Amino acid sequence: MVHDRFPERMKKIVFHGTGLVTLFIGVQMALKTENLVILFLSVILGAIFGEMINLRKHLDEMGNYFKFKSENLC
């Protein structure tokens, strides 16, 4: 794959940069909201629901499926 051609240090920098941009966008959107209570309740309910349905496991399985499919294309 393409990311195998880059040094580990560069992949780490890109990963951290993407995380910072995502954090900045999230903070910017949170500051625009008019009702922080709804924002906090949404996050809490989303976390509870995600744990109830074991969302992480399903997302990991989907990621592994796409990784397997993309590796077999080469």
Protein backbone atom coordinates (compact mmCIF):
# COMPACT_ATOMS: atom_id res chain seq x y z
CA MET A 1 0.00 0.00 0.00
CA VAL A 2 0.98 3.64 -0.28
CA HIS A 3 1.56 4.19 3.45
CA ASP A 4 4.18 1.40 3.48
CA ARG A 5 6.48 3.59 1.39
CA PHE A 6 6.70 6.39 3.96
CA PRO A 7 8.93 6.35 7.05
CA GLU A 8 7.26 5.69 10.39
CA ARG A 9 8.10 9.21 11.61
CA MET A 10 6.26 10.81 8.67
CA LYS A 11 3.20 8.60 9.17
CA LYS A 12 3.13 9.60 12.84
CA ILE A 13 3.33 13.32 11.99
CA VAL A 14 0.50 13.05 9.45
CA PHE A 15 -1.61 11.07 11.93
CA HIS A 16 -1.10 13.67 14.67
CA GLY A 17 -1.77 16.55 12.26
CA THR A 18 -5.04 14.96 11.20
CA GLY A 19 -5.99 14.53 14.86
CA LEU A 20 -5.26 18.18 15.62
CA VAL A 21 -7.36 19.37 12.68
CA THR A 22 -10.22 17.14 13.79
CA LEU A 23 -9.94 18.46 17.35
CA PHE A 24 -9.93 22.05 16.10
CA ILE A 25 -13.04 21.46 13.97
CA GLY A 26 -14.81 19.84 16.94
CA VAL A 27 -13.98 22.69 19.30
CA GLN A 28 -15.02 25.25 16.70
CA MET A 29 -18.38 23.52 16.19
CA ALA A 30 -18.91 23.14 19.96
CA LEU A 31 -18.39 26.87 20.44
CA LYS A 32 -21.05 27.62 17.82
CA THR A 33 -23.75 25.60 19.53
CA GLU A 34 -26.42 27.52 21.36
CA ASN A 35 -27.31 24.82 23.86
CA LEU A 36 -24.38 23.06 25.53
CA VAL A 37 -26.69 20.82 27.56
CA ILE A 38 -27.97 19.17 24.38
CA LEU A 39 -24.39 18.76 23.14
CA PHE A 40 -23.27 17.06 26.38
CA LEU A 41 -26.36 14.84 26.55
CA SER A 42 -25.84 13.80 22.94
CA VAL A 43 -22.24 12.80 23.64
CA ILE A 44 -23.18 10.90 26.80
CA LEU A 45 -26.12 9.08 25.18
CA GLY A 46 -24.02 8.29 22.12
CA ALA A 47 -21.30 6.78 24.30
CA ILE A 48 -23.80 4.70 26.26
CA PHE A 49 -25.55 3.46 23.11
CA GLY A 50 -22.22 2.70 21.42
CA GLU A 51 -21.15 0.59 24.38
CA MET A 52 -24.49 -1.20 24.51
CA ILE A 53 -24.24 -2.35 20.89
CA ASN A 54 -20.44 -2.87 21.07
CA LEU A 55 -19.89 -0.39 18.25
CA ARG A 56 -16.08 -0.52 18.47
CA LYS A 57 -16.05 -4.25 17.70
CA HIS A 58 -18.25 -3.75 14.64
CA LEU A 59 -16.16 -0.85 13.36
CA ASP A 60 -12.96 -2.87 13.86
CA GLU A 61 -14.47 -5.78 11.92
CA MET A 62 -15.51 -3.46 9.10
CA GLY A 63 -12.02 -1.92 9.03
CA ASN A 64 -10.41 -5.35 8.88
CA TYR A 65 -12.76 -6.33 6.05
CA PHE A 66 -11.82 -3.28 3.98
CA LYS A 67 -8.13 -3.76 4.78
CA PHE A 68 -8.34 -7.38 3.61
CA LYS A 69 -10.16 -6.34 0.43
CA SER A 70 -7.68 -3.56 -0.36
CA GLU A 71 -4.67 -5.84 0.21
CA ASN A 72 -6.09 -8.40 -2.21
CA LEU A 73 -6.46 -5.78 -4.96
CA CYS A 74 -2.68 -5.42 -5.31
